[in-house]
Amino acid sequence: MAKITLENLAHSYLPHPKGEDDYALKEMNHVWNDGEAYALLGSSGCGKTTLLNIISGLLKPSQGRILFNDMDVTGAPTVARNIAQVFQFPVVYDTMTVRQNLAFPLKNRGADAAYVAGRVQQIAQMIGMEAELDHKARGLTADAKQKISLGRGMVREDVNALLFDEPLTVIDPHMKWELRTQLKSLHREFGHTMIYVTHDQTEALTFADKVVVMYDGRVVQIGTPEELFMTPEHTFVGYFIGSPGMNVMPAQIEGNRAYINGSWLPLSKGYGKLEGKVEIGVRPEFARLSQSEGLPVKIRRVEDVGRHKIVRAEFFGNDINIIAEENEQVSADMNRISFVPERVNVYADGWRVEGEAA
């Protein structure tokens, strides 16, 4: 297991980068604690896999250092880092049986035969492939092969870190849930440092102790699922986390009031003069409809999703979403909206501004 330190780390795929826009991975400084489970979350092309490949040694960064337990491994090959990595698409030995595939990393390191047999049986049970242990991998489906690849990544107990690059992409939805649960159990039992790359917020939030949200090659927030939901540090975090995501609207801030098209709403904190693009962000869960209180809103449609209702509306020319309780009545004459003041976030150029007690 390892503490992983990213020190002034950045990477460009260009030989002579001239500016920040030339970097696929913008400069970052982070310490990821020994034994914690992290999810790298973001949309395609944001730099998740680039960062994972730098950590694993498949890619050398353009600048900065990476340290495992304070030891510089920036120039060390993958084999010297003592990590296990599982890729998006299955990597298995077709001519070997499932048992032989799972045993390969242990036998390659000279592990005792009895230990190998026991560990292989344990992992096979974990991935639901006990019945196929003596089948050749060649004839198996893509999702079965990916389970073998996942199992082979988990079979060693002595690794510094386990790295997963969207490992459940080709696996059916029910098995995804099962394997995520097994991964969490594995983490609780052995305490490996785990890093899990995904673009799926459900996978990230259900797997990780902390989620690392990436946007445009930059880490914009590292936090627990609750922190990401309640206090998104960047508008992208608010948009990307949640279903629907956070409502973001242009506003003018004066003290403890936010003005939208001349109308104002209260804030729980006060703010000084803000520069740049100023916006407020409010999650749909903290918006309230009524017939008489608040600012004007126009309901377009109501979607009943079983657990609650999603109200799609227009608010001063902006699309806005409101979440209403399942048993809450929503009628056409509910044309006013208010927000929980403590849950209104203020942003300047995309970044959250911390106000002062009003």
Protein backbone atom coordinates (compact mmCIF):
# COMPACT_ATOMS: atom_id res chain seq x y z
CA MET A 1 0.00 0.00 0.00
CA ALA A 2 1.24 3.49 -0.72
CA LYS A 3 0.67 7.16 -0.13
CA ILE A 4 0.75 8.76 -3.59
CA THR A 5 2.10 12.29 -3.99
CA LEU A 6 1.68 14.31 -7.18
CA GLU A 7 4.23 17.15 -7.08
CA ASN A 8 4.04 19.96 -9.69
CA LEU A 9 2.75 17.30 -12.07
CA ALA A 10 1.73 18.24 -15.62
CA HIS A 11 1.76 16.58 -19.02
CA SER A 12 1.58 17.60 -22.66
CA TYR A 13 1.56 15.27 -25.64
CA LEU A 14 3.25 18.02 -27.67
CA PRO A 15 7.08 18.05 -27.78
CA HIS A 16 7.32 21.79 -27.08
CA PRO A 17 4.22 23.07 -25.24
CA LYS A 18 3.97 26.86 -25.25
CA GLY A 19 1.07 27.54 -22.94
CA GLU A 20 -1.46 25.98 -20.56
CA ASP A 21 -3.79 25.09 -23.43
CA ASP A 22 -1.11 22.75 -24.81
CA TYR A 23 -1.25 20.60 -21.67
CA ALA A 24 -3.57 17.60 -21.46
CA LEU A 25 -2.89 17.60 -17.71
CA LYS A 26 -2.55 20.99 -16.03
CA GLU A 27 -0.13 21.43 -13.13
CA MET A 28 -1.33 19.79 -9.91
CA ASN A 29 -0.13 19.14 -6.38
CA HIS A 30 -2.00 16.51 -4.40
CA VAL A 31 -1.40 13.87 -1.75
CA TRP A 32 -3.57 10.77 -1.88
CA ASN A 33 -3.58 8.93 1.43
CA ASP A 34 -2.35 5.40 1.94
CA GLY A 35 -5.19 2.91 2.00
CA GLU A 36 -7.99 5.14 0.69
CA ALA A 37 -10.21 4.46 -2.32
CA TYR A 38 -10.32 7.26 -4.89
CA ALA A 39 -12.44 7.66 -8.01
CA LEU A 40 -11.19 9.80 -10.90
CA LEU A 41 -14.42 11.22 -12.33
CA GLY A 42 -14.99 13.40 -15.37
CA SER A 43 -16.18 13.44 -18.96
CA SER A 44 -14.22 11.88 -21.83
CA GLY A 45 -10.99 13.70 -22.66
CA CYS A 46 -10.61 15.45 -19.29
CA GLY A 47 -7.28 13.75 -18.45
CA LYS A 48 -8.35 10.85 -16.22
CA THR A 49 -6.56 8.08 -18.12
CA THR A 50 -3.50 10.28 -18.70
CA LEU A 51 -3.17 10.78 -14.95
CA LEU A 52 -3.72 7.08 -14.24
CA ASN A 53 -1.07 6.08 -16.77
CA ILE A 54 1.42 8.48 -15.18
CA ILE A 55 0.73 6.94 -11.77
CA SER A 56 1.21 3.43 -13.18
CA GLY A 57 4.40 4.29 -15.08
CA LEU A 58 2.99 3.75 -18.57
CA LEU A 59 3.56 7.44 -19.26
CA LYS A 60 6.31 9.79 -18.08
CA PRO A 61 5.05 13.30 -17.21
CA SER A 62 6.34 16.37 -19.01
CA GLN A 63 7.08 17.98 -15.67
CA GLY A 64 6.92 17.27 -11.95
CA ARG A 65 7.32 14.16 -9.85
CA ILE A 66 5.26 11.26 -8.58
CA LEU A 67 6.15 9.68 -5.25
CA PHE A 68 5.07 6.42 -3.63
CA ASN A 69 5.51 6.68 0.15
CA ASP A 70 7.83 9.68 -0.40
CA MET A 71 10.04 7.70 -2.82
CA ASP A 72 10.43 9.28 -6.24
CA VAL A 73 9.18 6.81 -8.87
CA THR A 74 8.83 9.28 -11.75
CA GLY A 75 11.40 7.45 -13.87
CA ALA A 76 10.70 3.97 -12.53
CA PRO A 77 9.15 1.39 -14.91
CA THR A 78 5.72 -0.07 -14.16
CA VAL A 79 7.15 -3.35 -12.86
CA ALA A 80 9.18 -1.50 -10.23
CA ARG A 81 6.12 0.30 -8.82
CA ASN A 82 4.44 -2.86 -7.56
CA ILE A 83 0.97 -1.94 -8.77
CA ALA A 84 -1.87 -3.85 -10.42
CA GLN A 85 -3.81 -2.23 -13.26
CA VAL A 86 -7.08 -3.27 -14.89
CA PHE A 87 -7.89 -1.69 -18.26
CA GLN A 88 -11.17 -0.72 -19.91
CA PHE A 89 -11.15 -3.70 -22.26
CA PRO A 90 -10.26 -7.24 -21.17
CA VAL A 91 -6.63 -8.37 -21.29
CA VAL A 92 -6.50 -12.15 -20.84
CA TYR A 93 -4.52 -15.12 -22.10
CA ASP A 94 -6.95 -16.93 -24.41
CA THR A 95 -5.01 -20.21 -24.43
CA MET A 96 -5.09 -20.43 -20.60
CA THR A 97 -7.98 -21.51 -18.42
CA VAL A 98 -9.68 -19.07 -16.09
CA ARG A 99 -7.78 -20.67 -13.19
CA GLN A 100 -4.44 -20.25 -14.96
CA ASN A 101 -5.20 -16.63 -15.83
CA LEU A 102 -6.04 -15.78 -12.23
CA ALA A 103 -3.00 -17.62 -10.90
CA PHE A 104 -0.52 -16.10 -13.35
CA PRO A 105 0.46 -12.95 -11.34
CA LEU A 106 1.06 -15.08 -8.23
CA LYS A 107 2.99 -17.87 -9.97
CA ASN A 108 5.06 -15.27 -11.80
CA ARG A 109 6.26 -14.08 -8.38
CA GLY A 110 6.96 -17.57 -7.05
CA ALA A 111 4.07 -17.77 -4.58
CA ASP A 112 3.44 -21.02 -2.70
CA ALA A 113 1.19 -23.44 -4.60
CA ALA A 114 -1.27 -23.87 -1.72
CA TYR A 115 -1.59 -20.09 -1.32
CA VAL A 116 -2.11 -19.67 -5.07
CA ALA A 117 -4.88 -22.29 -5.12
CA GLY A 118 -6.68 -20.74 -2.16
CA ARG A 119 -6.39 -17.19 -3.42
CA VAL A 120 -7.58 -18.13 -6.91
CA GLN A 121 -10.63 -19.85 -5.41
CA GLN A 122 -11.38 -16.78 -3.30
CA ILE A 123 -11.16 -14.39 -6.26
CA ALA A 124 -13.18 -16.72 -8.51
CA GLN A 125 -15.96 -16.66 -5.93
CA MET A 126 -15.73 -12.88 -5.75
CA ILE A 127 -16.16 -12.44 -9.53
CA GLY A 128 -18.74 -15.23 -9.84
CA MET A 129 -16.66 -17.57 -12.00
CA GLU A 130 -16.10 -20.65 -9.83
CA ALA A 131 -17.96 -22.85 -12.33
CA GLU A 132 -15.74 -21.67 -15.21
CA LEU A 133 -12.36 -22.08 -13.52
CA ASP A 134 -11.26 -24.89 -15.83
CA HIS A 135 -12.68 -23.38 -19.02
CA LYS A 136 -10.38 -21.86 -21.62
CA ALA A 137 -10.71 -18.06 -21.79
CA ARG A 138 -10.96 -18.14 -25.60
CA GLY A 139 -14.58 -19.23 -25.68
CA LEU A 140 -15.91 -16.83 -23.04
CA THR A 141 -17.94 -13.66 -23.57
CA ALA A 142 -16.41 -10.18 -23.39
CA ASP A 143 -17.89 -9.46 -19.96
CA ALA A 144 -16.62 -12.82 -18.62
CA LYS A 145 -13.14 -11.99 -19.93
CA GLN A 146 -13.30 -8.62 -18.23
CA LYS A 147 -14.20 -10.32 -14.96
CA ILE A 148 -11.07 -12.46 -15.37
CA SER A 149 -9.03 -9.31 -16.01
CA LEU A 150 -10.55 -7.69 -12.93
CA GLY A 151 -9.88 -10.79 -10.84
CA ARG A 152 -6.27 -10.97 -12.00
CA GLY A 153 -5.81 -7.38 -10.93
CA MET A 154 -7.17 -8.14 -7.46
CA VAL A 155 -5.45 -11.49 -6.85
CA ARG A 156 -2.27 -10.02 -5.33
CA GLU A 157 -2.44 -8.78 -1.76
CA ASP A 158 0.99 -7.11 -1.62
CA VAL A 159 0.57 -4.32 -4.19
CA ASN A 160 1.20 -0.62 -3.51
CA ALA A 161 -1.98 0.34 -5.36
CA LEU A 162 -4.79 -1.09 -7.47
CA LEU A 163 -5.61 1.00 -10.56
CA PHE A 164 -8.84 0.54 -12.52
CA ASP A 165 -9.44 2.27 -15.87
CA GLU A 166 -13.21 2.08 -16.45
CA PRO A 167 -13.12 -1.68 -15.80
CA LEU A 168 -16.88 -2.30 -15.85
CA THR A 169 -17.66 -0.82 -19.28
CA VAL A 170 -18.38 -4.17 -20.99
CA ILE A 171 -20.08 -5.81 -17.99
CA ASP A 172 -23.86 -6.08 -17.68
CA PRO A 173 -25.57 -3.66 -15.24
CA HIS A 174 -26.45 -6.22 -12.54
CA MET A 175 -22.91 -7.61 -12.46
CA LYS A 176 -21.54 -4.05 -12.33
CA TRP A 177 -23.35 -3.54 -9.03
CA GLU A 178 -22.12 -6.87 -7.70
CA LEU A 179 -18.50 -6.20 -8.64
CA ARG A 180 -18.55 -2.67 -7.21
CA THR A 181 -19.79 -4.15 -3.95
CA GLN A 182 -17.01 -6.76 -4.05
CA LEU A 183 -14.40 -4.07 -4.71
CA LYS A 184 -15.57 -2.13 -1.67
CA SER A 185 -15.43 -5.33 0.41
CA LEU A 186 -11.92 -6.01 -0.87
CA HIS A 187 -10.88 -2.49 0.09
CA ARG A 188 -12.32 -2.80 3.59
CA GLU A 189 -10.64 -6.18 4.09
CA PHE A 190 -7.15 -5.44 2.76
CA GLY A 191 -6.92 -1.64 2.80
CA HIS A 192 -5.30 -1.29 -0.62
CA THR A 193 -4.86 2.18 -2.07
CA MET A 194 -7.33 2.10 -4.96
CA ILE A 195 -7.80 4.50 -7.87
CA TYR A 196 -10.82 3.95 -10.08
CA VAL A 197 -11.31 5.89 -13.33
CA THR A 198 -14.89 6.39 -14.51
CA HIS A 199 -17.19 8.87 -16.26
CA ASP A 200 -20.18 7.42 -14.37
CA GLN A 201 -21.05 9.41 -11.25
CA THR A 202 -22.96 6.47 -9.72
CA GLU A 203 -19.89 4.24 -9.97
CA ALA A 204 -17.69 6.96 -8.49
CA LEU A 205 -19.98 7.89 -5.62
CA THR A 206 -20.75 4.31 -4.58
CA PHE A 207 -17.14 3.10 -4.80
CA ALA A 208 -14.90 5.83 -3.45
CA ASP A 209 -13.97 7.30 -0.09
CA LYS A 210 -13.07 10.45 -2.02
CA VAL A 211 -13.94 11.49 -5.54
CA VAL A 212 -11.40 13.38 -7.67
CA VAL A 213 -13.39 15.43 -10.19
CA MET A 214 -11.47 16.43 -13.32
CA TYR A 215 -12.38 19.02 -15.91
CA ASP A 216 -10.31 20.15 -18.91
CA GLY A 217 -7.12 18.51 -17.61
CA ARG A 218 -7.44 19.95 -14.13
CA VAL A 219 -8.50 18.53 -10.77
CA VAL A 220 -11.31 20.90 -9.76
CA GLN A 221 -12.31 19.21 -6.50
CA ILE A 222 -11.41 16.28 -4.27
CA GLY A 223 -14.01 15.38 -1.68
CA THR A 224 -16.51 12.97 -0.25
CA PRO A 225 -19.78 12.46 -2.12
CA GLU A 226 -21.53 14.71 0.44
CA GLU A 227 -18.97 17.51 -0.03
CA LEU A 228 -19.31 17.36 -3.81
CA PHE A 229 -23.08 17.52 -3.55
CA MET A 230 -23.42 20.22 -0.90
CA THR A 231 -20.50 22.52 -1.77
CA PRO A 232 -19.36 22.09 -5.38
CA GLU A 233 -16.12 24.08 -5.66
CA HIS A 234 -16.56 24.52 -9.42
CA THR A 235 -19.68 24.87 -11.54
CA PHE A 236 -18.66 21.75 -13.47
CA VAL A 237 -18.81 19.71 -10.25
CA GLY A 238 -22.31 21.02 -9.60
CA TYR A 239 -23.38 20.22 -13.15
CA PHE A 240 -21.74 16.79 -13.34
CA ILE A 241 -22.74 15.49 -9.89
CA GLY A 242 -26.45 15.03 -9.29
CA SER A 243 -29.41 14.12 -11.43
CA PRO A 244 -30.44 16.64 -12.55
CA GLY A 245 -27.30 18.66 -11.89
CA MET A 246 -27.05 22.03 -10.19
CA ASN A 247 -28.89 25.01 -11.69
CA VAL A 248 -26.34 27.68 -12.67
CA MET A 249 -27.57 31.20 -13.48
CA PRO A 250 -25.87 34.55 -14.17
CA ALA A 251 -26.38 37.00 -11.33
CA GLN A 252 -25.16 40.23 -9.80
CA ILE A 253 -24.05 39.97 -6.18
CA GLU A 254 -24.39 42.86 -3.74
CA GLY A 255 -23.64 42.02 -0.14
CA ASN A 256 -26.06 39.31 0.95
CA ARG A 257 -28.34 39.58 -2.07
CA ALA A 258 -28.21 38.06 -5.55
CA TYR A 259 -29.90 40.05 -8.32
CA ILE A 260 -31.30 38.37 -11.42
CA ASN A 261 -32.91 40.65 -14.01
CA GLY A 262 -33.50 43.29 -11.33
CA SER A 263 -35.20 40.91 -8.90
CA TRP A 264 -33.33 39.78 -5.81
CA LEU A 265 -33.07 36.73 -3.62
CA PRO A 266 -31.45 36.41 -0.18
CA LEU A 267 -28.07 34.82 0.49
CA SER A 268 -26.95 33.41 3.82
CA LYS A 269 -23.55 35.16 3.54
CA GLY A 270 -22.22 38.48 2.41
CA TYR A 271 -19.86 39.04 -0.53
CA GLY A 272 -17.56 41.83 -1.59
CA LYS A 273 -17.06 43.02 -5.15
CA LEU A 274 -16.67 40.03 -7.49
CA GLU A 275 -14.77 40.11 -10.76
CA GLY A 276 -15.30 38.08 -13.92
CA LYS A 277 -18.28 35.92 -14.79
CA VAL A 278 -20.52 35.85 -11.72
CA GLU A 279 -23.14 33.13 -11.24
CA ILE A 280 -25.19 31.48 -8.57
CA GLY A 281 -25.67 27.71 -8.28
CA VAL A 282 -28.61 26.01 -6.62
CA ARG A 283 -29.33 22.32 -6.63
CA PRO A 284 -32.88 21.32 -7.69
CA GLU A 285 -33.38 19.77 -4.23
CA PHE A 286 -33.14 23.23 -2.63
CA ALA A 287 -35.63 25.03 -4.89
CA ARG A 288 -39.25 25.45 -3.74
CA LEU A 289 -42.38 26.16 -5.79
CA SER A 290 -45.36 28.07 -4.44
CA GLN A 291 -48.34 30.16 -5.57
CA SER A 292 -47.36 33.32 -3.74
CA GLU A 293 -43.76 33.47 -2.45
CA GLY A 294 -40.57 34.07 -4.41
CA LEU A 295 -39.61 35.08 -7.93
CA PRO A 296 -41.62 34.38 -11.11
CA VAL A 297 -41.14 31.03 -12.82
CA LYS A 298 -42.92 29.28 -15.69
CA ILE A 299 -43.47 25.51 -15.47
CA ARG A 300 -42.97 23.69 -18.76
CA ARG A 301 -43.50 20.08 -17.74
CA VAL A 302 -43.40 17.68 -14.79
CA GLU A 303 -41.61 14.32 -14.92
CA ASP A 304 -42.60 11.73 -12.33
CA VAL A 305 -39.61 9.42 -11.82
CA GLY A 306 -41.14 7.42 -8.95
CA ARG A 307 -38.99 8.60 -6.03
CA HIS A 308 -39.78 12.25 -6.74
CA LYS A 309 -40.92 14.64 -9.44
CA ILE A 310 -38.61 16.69 -11.64
CA VAL A 311 -40.16 20.01 -12.60
CA ARG A 312 -38.69 21.54 -15.75
CA ALA A 313 -39.25 25.28 -15.80
CA GLU A 314 -38.08 28.65 -17.17
CA PHE A 315 -36.60 31.25 -14.81
CA PHE A 316 -35.77 34.67 -16.28
CA GLY A 317 -34.93 33.07 -19.62
CA ASN A 318 -32.87 30.25 -18.07
CA ASP A 319 -33.79 26.59 -17.90
CA ILE A 320 -34.21 25.52 -14.28
CA ASN A 321 -34.98 22.21 -12.60
CA ILE A 322 -36.87 21.76 -9.34
CA ILE A 323 -37.24 18.51 -7.41
CA ALA A 324 -40.59 18.05 -5.68
CA GLU A 325 -41.55 15.24 -3.32
CA GLU A 326 -43.53 12.36 -4.83
CA ASN A 327 -46.66 13.26 -2.83
CA GLU A 328 -46.29 17.01 -3.44
CA GLN A 329 -48.93 18.57 -5.67
CA VAL A 330 -47.54 20.61 -8.57
CA SER A 331 -50.06 22.77 -10.42
CA ALA A 332 -49.91 25.31 -13.23
CA ASP A 333 -50.62 28.20 -10.84
CA MET A 334 -47.46 27.48 -8.85
CA ASN A 335 -45.58 30.22 -10.67
CA ARG A 336 -43.23 31.38 -7.89
CA ILE A 337 -39.89 29.93 -6.83
CA SER A 338 -37.63 30.42 -3.83
CA PHE A 339 -34.32 28.90 -2.76
CA VAL A 340 -32.94 27.76 0.58
CA PRO A 341 -30.51 30.67 1.22
CA GLU A 342 -27.90 28.44 2.92
CA ARG A 343 -27.76 26.28 -0.20
CA VAL A 344 -27.15 29.03 -2.76
CA ASN A 345 -23.52 28.93 -3.93
CA VAL A 346 -21.82 31.93 -5.52
CA TYR A 347 -19.26 31.51 -8.33
CA ALA A 348 -16.79 33.79 -10.09
CA ASP A 349 -15.33 32.48 -13.37
CA GLY A 350 -16.57 29.00 -12.47
CA TRP A 351 -14.98 28.81 -9.01
CA ARG A 352 -16.93 28.93 -5.75
CA VAL A 353 -16.49 32.06 -3.64
CA GLU A 354 -16.59 31.67 0.14
CA GLY A 355 -18.70 34.46 1.62
CA GLU A 356 -18.58 35.98 5.07
CA ALA A 357 -21.22 35.66 7.77
CA ALA A 358 -23.97 38.16 6.94
